[in-house]
Protein backbone atom coordinates (compact mmCIF):
# COMPACT_ATOMS: atom_id res chain seq x y z
CA MET A 1 11.98 34.73 -16.23
CA SER A 2 11.18 32.25 -13.47
CA VAL A 3 7.67 32.38 -12.03
CA ILE A 4 9.17 32.69 -8.53
CA GLU A 5 11.74 35.40 -9.29
CA LYS A 6 9.79 38.21 -7.62
CA LEU A 7 8.61 36.27 -4.57
CA GLU A 8 9.71 37.27 -1.07
CA PRO A 9 12.13 36.66 0.50
CA LYS A 10 14.08 36.98 -2.74
CA VAL A 11 17.28 35.45 -1.39
CA LEU A 12 15.46 32.27 -0.33
CA TRP A 13 13.50 31.86 -3.57
CA LYS A 14 16.68 32.54 -5.57
CA HIS A 15 18.24 29.44 -4.04
CA PHE A 16 15.08 27.37 -4.43
CA ASP A 17 15.01 28.30 -8.11
CA GLU A 18 18.54 26.92 -8.47
CA ILE A 19 17.79 23.82 -6.40
CA ARG A 20 14.81 22.82 -8.58
CA LYS A 21 17.17 22.79 -11.62
CA ILE A 22 19.62 20.39 -9.96
CA PRO A 23 18.92 16.62 -9.99
CA HIS A 24 18.79 15.42 -6.37
CA CYS A 25 16.68 12.30 -6.06
CA SER A 26 17.45 10.13 -3.04
CA LYS A 27 20.86 8.44 -3.30
CA HIS A 28 21.81 10.79 -6.15
CA GLU A 29 22.76 13.96 -4.27
CA GLU A 30 26.18 14.50 -5.91
CA LYS A 31 25.19 17.60 -7.87
CA ILE A 32 23.31 19.29 -5.04
CA ARG A 33 26.26 18.56 -2.72
CA ASN A 34 28.64 20.21 -5.19
CA TYR A 35 26.29 23.19 -5.34
CA LEU A 36 26.45 23.53 -1.55
CA LEU A 37 30.24 23.24 -1.44
CA ASP A 38 30.68 25.75 -4.27
CA PHE A 39 28.34 28.11 -2.45
CA ALA A 40 30.41 27.85 0.75
CA LYS A 41 33.60 28.58 -1.19
CA GLN A 42 32.06 31.59 -2.91
CA GLN A 43 30.84 32.97 0.43
CA GLY A 44 34.17 32.38 2.17
CA LEU A 45 32.60 29.96 4.66
CA LYS A 46 34.12 26.82 6.12
CA SER A 47 32.61 23.51 5.00
CA LYS A 48 33.21 19.83 5.56
CA VAL A 49 31.92 16.59 4.11
CA ASP A 50 31.81 13.18 5.76
CA LYS A 51 32.14 9.80 4.06
CA PRO A 52 28.37 9.31 3.41
CA GLY A 53 28.20 12.79 1.84
CA ASN A 54 26.63 14.90 4.60
CA VAL A 55 27.71 18.54 4.44
CA VAL A 56 28.18 21.09 7.24
CA ILE A 57 28.73 24.78 6.42
CA SER A 58 29.72 27.02 9.33
CA LYS A 59 29.07 30.75 9.60
CA PRO A 60 30.68 32.84 12.34
CA ALA A 61 28.60 34.89 14.74
CA SER A 62 27.66 38.47 13.96
CA SER A 63 29.81 41.11 15.63
CA GLY A 64 29.04 41.28 19.35
CA MET A 65 27.21 37.93 19.40
CA GLU A 66 30.21 35.62 19.62
CA ASP A 67 29.18 34.44 23.09
CA ARG A 68 25.84 33.07 21.86
CA PRO A 69 25.38 29.29 21.61
CA VAL A 70 25.90 27.56 18.28
CA VAL A 71 22.61 26.92 16.48
CA ILE A 72 22.29 24.11 13.94
CA LEU A 73 20.04 24.61 10.91
CA GLN A 74 19.23 21.13 9.62
CA SER A 75 17.71 20.08 6.30
CA HIS A 76 18.15 17.19 3.87
CA MET A 77 19.50 17.25 0.31
CA ASP A 78 17.36 14.60 -1.34
CA MET A 79 13.82 14.76 -2.70
CA VAL A 80 11.21 12.12 -3.52
CA CYS A 81 11.07 11.89 -7.31
CA GLU A 82 7.52 10.96 -8.33
CA LYS A 83 5.64 11.82 -11.52
CA ASN A 84 2.41 10.95 -13.23
CA SER A 85 2.85 8.23 -15.85
CA ASP A 86 1.65 10.52 -18.65
CA VAL A 87 4.24 13.21 -17.85
CA ASP A 88 7.47 13.33 -19.86
CA HIS A 89 10.08 14.21 -17.24
CA ASP A 90 13.57 12.85 -16.55
CA PHE A 91 14.56 13.53 -12.94
CA THR A 92 18.23 12.86 -13.77
CA LYS A 93 18.46 15.97 -15.95
CA ASP A 94 15.22 17.95 -16.29
CA PRO A 95 14.50 20.98 -14.08
CA ILE A 96 11.29 20.86 -12.09
CA LYS A 97 8.66 22.89 -13.97
CA LEU A 98 6.89 25.36 -11.68
CA LYS A 99 3.33 26.68 -11.70
CA ILE A 100 1.72 29.38 -9.53
CA LYS A 101 -2.00 29.72 -8.94
CA GLY A 102 -2.84 32.35 -6.37
CA ASP A 103 -0.88 31.57 -3.23
CA ILE A 104 -0.02 28.03 -4.32
CA LEU A 105 3.26 26.91 -5.92
CA THR A 106 3.22 23.47 -7.53
CA ALA A 107 5.09 21.50 -10.17
CA ASP A 108 3.78 20.32 -13.52
CA GLY A 109 2.87 16.67 -12.97
CA THR A 110 5.85 15.86 -10.73
CA THR A 111 6.85 16.28 -7.13
CA LEU A 112 7.94 19.84 -6.39
CA GLY A 113 10.90 19.12 -4.14
CA ALA A 114 9.83 21.68 -1.54
CA ASP A 115 10.44 18.77 0.83
CA ASP A 116 13.16 19.68 1.61
CA GLY A 117 14.24 22.20 -1.02
CA ILE A 118 12.65 24.99 1.01
CA GLY A 119 14.72 23.88 4.00
CA ILE A 120 17.95 23.93 1.98
CA ALA A 121 17.09 27.33 0.51
CA THR A 122 16.34 28.70 3.99
CA SER A 123 19.76 27.66 5.30
CA LEU A 124 21.55 29.06 2.27
CA ALA A 125 19.69 32.36 2.57
CA VAL A 126 20.76 32.68 6.21
CA LEU A 127 24.33 31.77 5.36
CA GLU A 128 24.49 34.29 2.51
CA ASP A 129 22.93 37.34 4.18
CA LYS A 130 25.66 39.29 5.97
CA THR A 131 23.20 41.79 7.44
CA LEU A 132 21.60 39.33 9.84
CA LYS A 133 22.22 39.20 13.57
CA HIS A 134 22.91 35.78 15.05
CA GLY A 135 25.32 33.65 17.02
CA PRO A 136 27.50 30.99 15.39
CA ILE A 137 25.63 28.79 12.89
CA GLU A 138 26.22 25.27 11.64
CA ALA A 139 24.09 24.38 8.62
CA LEU A 140 23.78 20.60 8.34
CA PHE A 141 22.61 19.10 5.04
CA THR A 142 22.08 15.34 5.22
CA VAL A 143 21.83 12.77 2.44
CA ASP A 144 19.24 10.11 1.74
CA GLU A 145 16.68 11.17 4.32
CA GLU A 146 13.75 10.01 2.27
CA THR A 147 14.72 6.38 1.69
CA GLY A 148 16.33 5.43 4.97
CA LEU A 149 17.68 8.43 6.91
CA THR A 150 21.09 6.96 6.14
CA GLY A 151 22.89 10.30 6.29
CA ALA A 152 21.65 10.98 9.81
CA PHE A 153 22.46 7.41 10.88
CA ALA A 154 26.05 7.85 9.68
CA LEU A 155 26.75 11.20 11.38
CA LYS A 156 29.86 11.23 13.57
CA SER A 157 30.37 13.31 16.68
CA ASP A 158 33.01 15.50 15.03
CA MET A 159 30.58 16.90 12.46
CA LEU A 160 28.67 19.17 14.88
CA THR A 161 29.49 21.26 17.93
CA GLY A 162 26.09 22.88 18.55
CA LYS A 163 23.52 21.69 21.08
CA ILE A 164 20.54 23.66 19.75
CA MET A 165 18.93 22.57 16.49
CA LEU A 166 16.22 23.89 14.21
CA ASN A 167 15.12 21.08 11.93
CA ILE A 168 13.58 22.88 8.94
CA ASP A 169 11.76 19.93 7.43
CA SER A 170 8.25 20.39 8.81
CA GLU A 171 5.27 21.22 6.65
CA ASP A 172 2.73 23.30 8.55
CA PHE A 173 3.37 26.93 9.41
CA GLY A 174 2.25 27.83 12.91
CA VAL A 175 3.05 24.35 14.16
CA ILE A 176 6.11 23.49 16.22
CA THR A 177 6.86 19.80 15.95
CA VAL A 178 8.48 18.22 19.01
CA GLY A 179 8.15 14.50 18.28
CA CYS A 180 7.86 12.03 15.42
CA ALA A 181 7.31 8.37 14.69
CA GLY A 182 9.99 5.76 14.28
CA GLY A 183 9.78 3.27 11.46
CA GLY A 184 11.25 0.45 9.47
CA ASN A 185 10.92 -1.20 6.07
CA SER A 186 10.11 -4.84 5.32
CA LYS A 187 10.95 -6.59 2.05
CA ILE A 188 9.10 -9.76 1.12
CA THR A 189 10.34 -12.22 -1.49
CA LEU A 190 7.83 -14.86 -2.62
CA PRO A 191 9.18 -17.57 -4.94
CA ILE A 192 7.03 -18.04 -8.06
CA LYS A 193 6.91 -20.48 -10.95
CA LYS A 194 5.67 -19.82 -14.45
CA GLN A 195 4.01 -22.03 -17.02
CA GLN A 196 2.89 -21.93 -20.62
CA ASN A 197 -0.44 -20.24 -21.34
CA ASP A 198 -2.60 -22.92 -22.94
CA GLY A 199 -6.03 -22.70 -24.52
CA ASP A 200 -7.94 -20.15 -26.55
CA MET A 201 -7.17 -17.02 -24.53
CA ASP A 202 -7.02 -13.25 -24.86
CA SER A 203 -4.54 -11.11 -22.94
CA ILE A 204 -5.35 -7.74 -21.41
CA LEU A 205 -3.68 -4.96 -19.47
CA ILE A 206 -5.54 -3.71 -16.37
CA LYS A 207 -4.35 -0.33 -15.13
CA ILE A 208 -5.31 1.58 -11.99
CA SER A 209 -4.67 5.34 -11.95
CA GLY A 210 -6.07 8.70 -10.87
CA LEU A 211 -5.32 8.20 -7.18
CA ARG A 212 -3.78 10.99 -5.12
CA GLY A 213 -1.06 8.96 -3.42
CA GLY A 214 0.90 11.12 -1.01
CA HIS A 215 3.19 10.83 1.99
CA SER A 216 2.87 7.43 3.61
CA GLY A 217 3.05 8.94 7.10
CA ILE A 218 1.54 12.41 6.95
CA ASP A 219 -1.33 11.50 4.60
CA VAL A 220 -2.10 7.97 5.79
CA TYR A 221 -4.82 9.15 8.18
CA GLU A 222 -6.89 10.35 5.21
CA GLN A 223 -7.28 6.73 4.05
CA ARG A 224 -6.39 7.53 0.47
CA GLY A 225 -6.63 4.72 -2.05
CA ASN A 226 -3.63 2.45 -2.51
CA ALA A 227 -3.35 1.42 -6.18
CA VAL A 228 -1.68 -1.89 -5.36
CA LYS A 229 -4.28 -2.90 -2.79
CA LEU A 230 -7.19 -1.87 -5.02
CA LEU A 231 -5.84 -3.71 -8.06
CA VAL A 232 -5.20 -6.82 -6.00
CA ARG A 233 -8.70 -6.61 -4.55
CA MET A 234 -10.13 -6.66 -8.09
CA LEU A 235 -7.91 -9.55 -9.19
CA TRP A 236 -8.52 -11.57 -6.05
CA LYS A 237 -12.28 -11.19 -6.24
CA THR A 238 -12.61 -11.97 -9.95
CA SER A 239 -10.24 -14.93 -9.63
CA GLN A 240 -12.80 -16.64 -7.40
CA ASN A 241 -15.16 -17.02 -10.36
CA HIS A 242 -12.92 -16.76 -13.42
CA ASP A 243 -9.93 -18.81 -14.53
CA LEU A 244 -7.60 -15.88 -15.09
CA CYS A 245 -3.85 -16.28 -15.63
CA LEU A 246 -1.65 -13.59 -14.12
CA THR A 247 1.58 -12.81 -15.99
CA ASP A 248 2.72 -9.56 -14.41
CA ILE A 249 1.81 -7.09 -11.70
CA LYS A 250 3.56 -3.88 -10.77
CA GLY A 251 2.71 -0.90 -8.60
CA GLY A 252 4.30 1.72 -6.38
CA ASP A 253 7.76 3.18 -6.62
CA LYS A 254 8.88 4.55 -3.25
CA HIS A 255 8.55 3.07 0.23
CA ASN A 256 7.40 6.41 1.63
CA ALA A 257 4.81 7.23 -1.02
CA ILE A 258 1.31 5.73 -1.16
CA PRO A 259 1.06 3.96 -4.56
CA ARG A 260 -0.93 6.04 -7.04
CA GLU A 261 -0.75 3.72 -10.06
CA ALA A 262 -0.53 -0.04 -10.67
CA TYR A 263 -1.06 -2.47 -13.49
CA ALA A 264 -1.48 -6.18 -14.14
CA LYS A 265 -1.23 -8.28 -17.30
CA VAL A 266 -3.59 -11.25 -17.38
CA SER A 267 -4.95 -13.79 -19.84
CA ILE A 268 -8.53 -15.04 -19.85
CA GLY A 269 -10.48 -17.51 -21.95
CA LYS A 270 -12.13 -15.87 -24.97
CA THR A 271 -15.57 -17.12 -23.98
CA ASP A 272 -15.12 -15.84 -20.42
CA LYS A 273 -13.58 -12.49 -21.31
CA SER A 274 -16.77 -10.43 -21.50
CA SER A 275 -18.07 -11.65 -18.15
CA PHE A 276 -14.65 -11.16 -16.55
CA ILE A 277 -14.44 -7.54 -17.72
CA SER A 278 -18.00 -6.89 -16.56
CA ASN A 279 -17.11 -8.12 -13.08
CA LEU A 280 -13.96 -5.94 -13.04
CA LYS A 281 -16.06 -2.91 -13.92
CA ALA A 282 -18.60 -3.74 -11.25
CA GLU A 283 -15.81 -3.88 -8.67
CA GLU A 284 -14.40 -0.61 -10.01
CA LYS A 285 -17.80 1.01 -9.47
CA ASP A 286 -18.00 -0.29 -5.89
CA ILE A 287 -14.49 0.93 -5.09
CA LEU A 288 -15.13 4.38 -6.51
CA GLU A 289 -18.29 4.66 -4.44
CA GLU A 290 -16.25 3.80 -1.33
CA ILE A 291 -13.32 6.15 -1.89
CA LYS A 292 -14.93 8.97 -3.90
CA PRO A 293 -14.81 11.46 -1.00
CA ILE A 294 -10.99 11.25 -0.86
CA ASP A 295 -10.05 9.90 -4.32
CA PRO A 296 -12.73 11.01 -6.80
CA ASN A 297 -10.48 10.51 -9.86
CA PHE A 298 -9.84 6.81 -9.31
CA LYS A 299 -10.24 4.87 -12.54
CA MET A 300 -9.53 1.51 -14.15
CA GLU A 301 -8.48 1.12 -17.77
CA ILE A 302 -8.55 -2.15 -19.72
CA GLU A 303 -6.57 -2.61 -22.90
CA ASP A 304 -6.17 -5.59 -25.23
CA ILE A 305 -2.53 -6.57 -25.65
CA GLU A 306 -0.57 -9.13 -27.62
CA LYS A 307 -1.18 -12.65 -26.37
CA LEU A 308 1.05 -13.57 -23.43
CA ASP A 309 2.86 -16.89 -23.73
CA MET A 310 3.67 -17.36 -20.04
CA ALA A 311 1.87 -16.86 -16.73
CA LEU A 312 2.29 -17.77 -13.08
CA ASP A 313 1.30 -21.31 -12.32
CA LYS A 314 -1.89 -21.65 -10.32
CA ASN A 315 -0.20 -22.31 -7.01
CA SER A 316 2.06 -19.24 -7.33
CA GLN A 317 -0.85 -17.07 -8.43
CA VAL A 318 -3.07 -18.10 -5.54
CA LYS A 319 -0.27 -17.56 -3.01
CA LEU A 320 0.64 -14.16 -4.40
CA LEU A 321 -2.90 -12.80 -4.56
CA ASN A 322 -3.72 -14.14 -1.09
CA LEU A 323 -0.54 -12.61 0.31
CA LEU A 324 -1.07 -9.20 -1.27
CA HIS A 325 -4.74 -9.15 -0.32
CA GLY A 326 -3.96 -10.15 3.26
CA LEU A 327 -1.03 -7.79 3.92
CA PRO A 328 -1.99 -4.69 5.90
CA HIS A 329 -2.06 -1.13 4.64
CA GLY A 330 -3.09 2.05 6.40
CA VAL A 331 -3.75 3.07 9.99
CA ASP A 332 -3.51 0.31 12.56
CA LYS A 333 -3.93 2.32 15.78
CA MET A 334 -4.47 5.90 16.86
CA SER A 335 -2.59 7.40 19.78
CA TYR A 336 -4.19 7.11 23.22
CA ASP A 337 -2.21 10.13 24.45
CA ILE A 338 -2.36 12.69 21.64
CA PRO A 339 -5.74 13.43 19.99
CA ASP A 340 -5.93 12.76 16.23
CA LEU A 341 -2.36 11.43 16.04
CA VAL A 342 -1.81 8.15 14.21
CA GLU A 343 0.22 5.86 16.45
CA THR A 344 0.94 2.92 14.14
CA SER A 345 0.51 2.37 10.40
CA THR A 346 2.00 0.65 7.39
CA ASN A 347 2.26 1.41 3.70
CA LEU A 348 2.10 -1.48 1.25
CA ALA A 349 4.42 0.45 -1.02
CA THR A 350 5.65 -1.64 -3.94
CA VAL A 351 5.11 -4.88 -5.82
CA SER A 352 6.87 -6.26 -8.89
CA LEU A 353 7.81 -9.60 -10.44
CA ASP A 354 11.09 -10.92 -11.77
CA GLU A 355 11.71 -14.30 -13.34
CA ASN A 356 11.65 -16.25 -10.09
CA ASN A 357 10.12 -14.05 -7.38
CA ALA A 358 7.44 -11.60 -6.42
CA LEU A 359 9.02 -8.64 -4.63
CA ILE A 360 6.91 -6.70 -2.13
CA GLY A 361 7.93 -3.67 -0.06
CA LEU A 362 6.24 -2.27 3.04
CA SER A 363 7.07 0.70 5.25
CA SER A 364 5.78 0.70 8.83
CA ARG A 365 5.71 3.54 11.36
CA SER A 366 4.87 3.98 15.02
CA SER A 367 5.50 6.43 17.83
CA ILE A 368 5.91 3.42 20.15
CA MET A 369 8.79 1.11 19.25
CA SER A 370 7.19 -2.00 20.77
CA ALA A 371 4.06 -1.38 18.68
CA LEU A 372 6.21 -0.94 15.58
CA GLN A 373 7.92 -4.25 16.22
CA ASP A 374 4.60 -6.00 16.82
CA PHE A 375 3.22 -4.68 13.53
CA ARG A 376 6.32 -5.83 11.66
CA ASP A 377 6.04 -9.22 13.36
CA ARG A 378 2.49 -9.54 12.05
CA ILE A 379 3.70 -8.74 8.54
CA ARG A 380 6.37 -11.42 8.98
CA ALA A 381 3.77 -13.94 10.16
CA THR A 382 1.54 -13.23 7.15
CA ALA A 383 4.48 -13.59 4.76
CA THR A 384 5.58 -16.81 6.43
CA LEU A 385 2.14 -18.34 5.95
CA SER A 386 2.60 -17.83 2.20
CA GLY A 387 6.03 -19.45 2.17
CA ALA A 388 7.75 -16.13 1.50
CA LYS A 389 11.04 -14.88 2.86
CA ILE A 390 11.19 -11.54 4.62
CA THR A 391 14.05 -9.20 5.44
CA GLU A 392 13.68 -6.25 7.78
CA GLU A 393 15.76 -3.11 7.76
CA ILE A 394 17.01 -1.83 11.10
CA PRO A 395 14.28 0.49 12.43
CA TYR A 396 15.00 4.16 12.96
CA PRO A 397 14.03 5.67 16.33
CA GLY A 398 11.19 8.01 17.01
CA TRP A 399 11.66 11.38 18.66
CA LYS A 400 10.12 11.61 22.12
CA PRO A 401 8.62 15.05 22.86
CA ASN A 402 10.37 17.21 25.45
CA LEU A 403 7.73 19.69 26.51
CA LYS A 404 10.19 21.26 28.98
CA SER A 405 12.60 22.24 26.19
CA ASN A 406 14.12 25.72 26.56
CA LEU A 407 14.16 26.11 22.78
CA LEU A 408 10.47 25.20 22.58
CA ALA A 409 9.54 27.76 25.26
CA HIS A 410 11.58 30.47 23.56
CA SER A 411 10.20 29.68 20.08
CA LYS A 412 6.61 29.74 21.35
CA LYS A 413 7.24 33.14 22.94
CA ILE A 414 8.76 34.54 19.74
CA PHE A 415 5.90 33.25 17.58
CA LYS A 416 3.29 34.81 19.87
CA GLU A 417 5.14 38.14 19.77
CA MET A 418 5.43 38.09 15.99
CA TYR A 419 2.03 36.76 14.95
CA GLY A 420 -0.25 37.41 17.90
CA GLU A 421 -1.28 33.82 18.57
CA GLU A 422 0.06 30.72 20.21
CA PRO A 423 1.64 28.18 17.86
CA THR A 424 0.40 24.61 17.89
CA VAL A 425 2.81 22.14 19.49
CA GLU A 426 2.48 18.59 18.21
CA ALA A 427 4.09 15.30 17.27
CA ILE A 428 3.70 13.88 13.75
CA HIS A 429 3.30 10.44 12.21
CA ALA A 430 6.32 10.77 9.95
CA GLY A 431 10.03 10.23 10.23
CA LEU A 432 12.28 13.17 11.03
CA GLU A 433 16.02 13.01 11.52
CA CYS A 434 15.67 14.56 14.99
CA GLY A 435 15.22 11.17 16.66
CA ILE A 436 18.48 9.85 15.25
CA ILE A 437 20.42 13.06 15.80
CA GLY A 438 19.10 13.29 19.35
CA GLU A 439 20.45 9.80 20.09
CA LYS A 440 23.84 10.60 18.55
CA PHE A 441 24.21 13.96 20.28
CA PRO A 442 22.81 13.61 23.82
CA GLY A 443 21.39 16.82 25.23
CA MET A 444 20.51 18.29 21.84
CA ASP A 445 17.60 20.73 22.25
CA MET A 446 15.48 20.51 19.09
CA ILE A 447 12.32 21.64 17.40
CA SER A 448 11.11 21.20 13.83
CA ILE A 449 9.41 24.02 11.91
CA GLY A 450 8.57 24.94 8.34
CA PRO A 451 6.18 26.72 5.99
CA THR A 452 2.97 25.07 4.83
CA ILE A 453 3.71 22.28 2.33
CA LYS A 454 0.84 20.03 1.33
CA TYR A 455 0.83 16.56 -0.26
CA PRO A 456 4.60 15.87 -0.30
CA HIS A 457 5.84 12.73 -2.06
CA SER A 458 3.18 13.11 -4.76
CA PRO A 459 2.70 15.21 -7.90
CA GLU A 460 0.13 17.18 -5.90
CA GLU A 461 2.91 18.62 -3.70
CA GLN A 462 2.38 22.34 -3.11
CA VAL A 463 3.79 25.24 -1.10
CA HIS A 464 1.65 28.01 0.32
CA ILE A 465 3.79 30.94 -0.83
CA SER A 466 2.75 33.48 1.82
CA THR A 467 3.83 31.16 4.64
CA VAL A 468 7.40 30.95 3.33
CA ASP A 469 8.10 34.61 4.05
CA LYS A 470 6.51 34.37 7.49
CA PHE A 471 8.47 31.21 8.24
CA TYR A 472 11.76 32.76 7.15
CA LYS A 473 11.24 35.83 9.32
CA TYR A 474 10.43 33.51 12.22
CA VAL A 475 13.69 31.60 11.74
CA LEU A 476 15.65 34.84 11.63
CA LYS A 477 14.03 36.08 14.86
CA ILE A 478 14.84 32.82 16.65
CA LEU A 479 18.46 33.04 15.49
CA GLU A 480 18.69 36.65 16.63
CA THR A 481 17.27 36.07 20.09
CA VAL A 482 18.07 32.49 21.12
């Protein structure tokens, strides 16, 4: 029996229990799409699919409510697939393993997929329940939200008829989101050369782990440790006094997740090895003292490995470490207009080496497009100084708050009636598809809501169970009264 089988609302958790068994990492949504289409067929509902794979399922209005406006329920099919390195889990076939402790639902060493599995399950529950009262509904399920919002970018005007949209991809119950940051990814390619490792040397593996990671937008304000930046800091500093030879470095996996783990393979002279390791451990101690309040489990592990024959030549090594150490990560500016809102940030997300190049990925965000472009220009300038090439993905737009929205006013009123307090209205430092959809469908009245989901994009991801039932009832009341 599933640990969530008896949770309320049963119809929503039933679908979430099925969703967590279906592989649906970003860019691999085929099986979850088939699940949605089979569901529509079983329920006798109309569905359609566009070329990129977005799905719309339509449900007619309840009897007597045919004159109500069409409401769009919008969620995304894909999830961020992250796991701890010591966890045996294959996202292409293994179901997500669930754990409950009190009011908290988590996974066992992997991301949970509540972002946006809860959103999908909410839409399916509404579509399935024939006792509900509502006007016509269009449930939109987009693909590849997490890696580039490509499904939303590819939407055509014939996919939707509604002009009112509930985006159900927010992560804080009691908060109505009315704006979000725009963003864009940068990919840096630094040419490298390798040479033979000469001399009497030992080779070691240096591994950084124990960091919390998290969502590169929502969690960036907490200044959590970045495994890539911390490892590079240690290598850069020790390379000033030791003749180390770097053979490999790798860290991070997703552009929208703060790197939790990273490793490097280096060679060092036998006579210098002890001093080198001592200096690494001293730097580890300093770093832990700095980040202990937010990342108390940070640790470095050093392991002897078979002697490495090749390493970067000195020029390539110096350029790479200088570049990685100099590239920005974290909050750049806070908003002048909205208290406690991050305006502009970047995530140094990934680094790896192939035979001829170092490959570095960054993801930048800002609620002001000119500030976003300036930040990306600074990344380009830094890369150019190192002789690297940089390519920039087309940025996605932010979502400008409309505080005069009729849907916002109505939703605030409903929340106050249901729960006896005013909801918080805010913008977030993360990408939502609302900005893109709003540009494609002018006049769309939108809000974003959800239950409380903490630490998405990391194995710490959790759902506060009690908020799911409250959130679902809130959605139903909006649909009944809008």
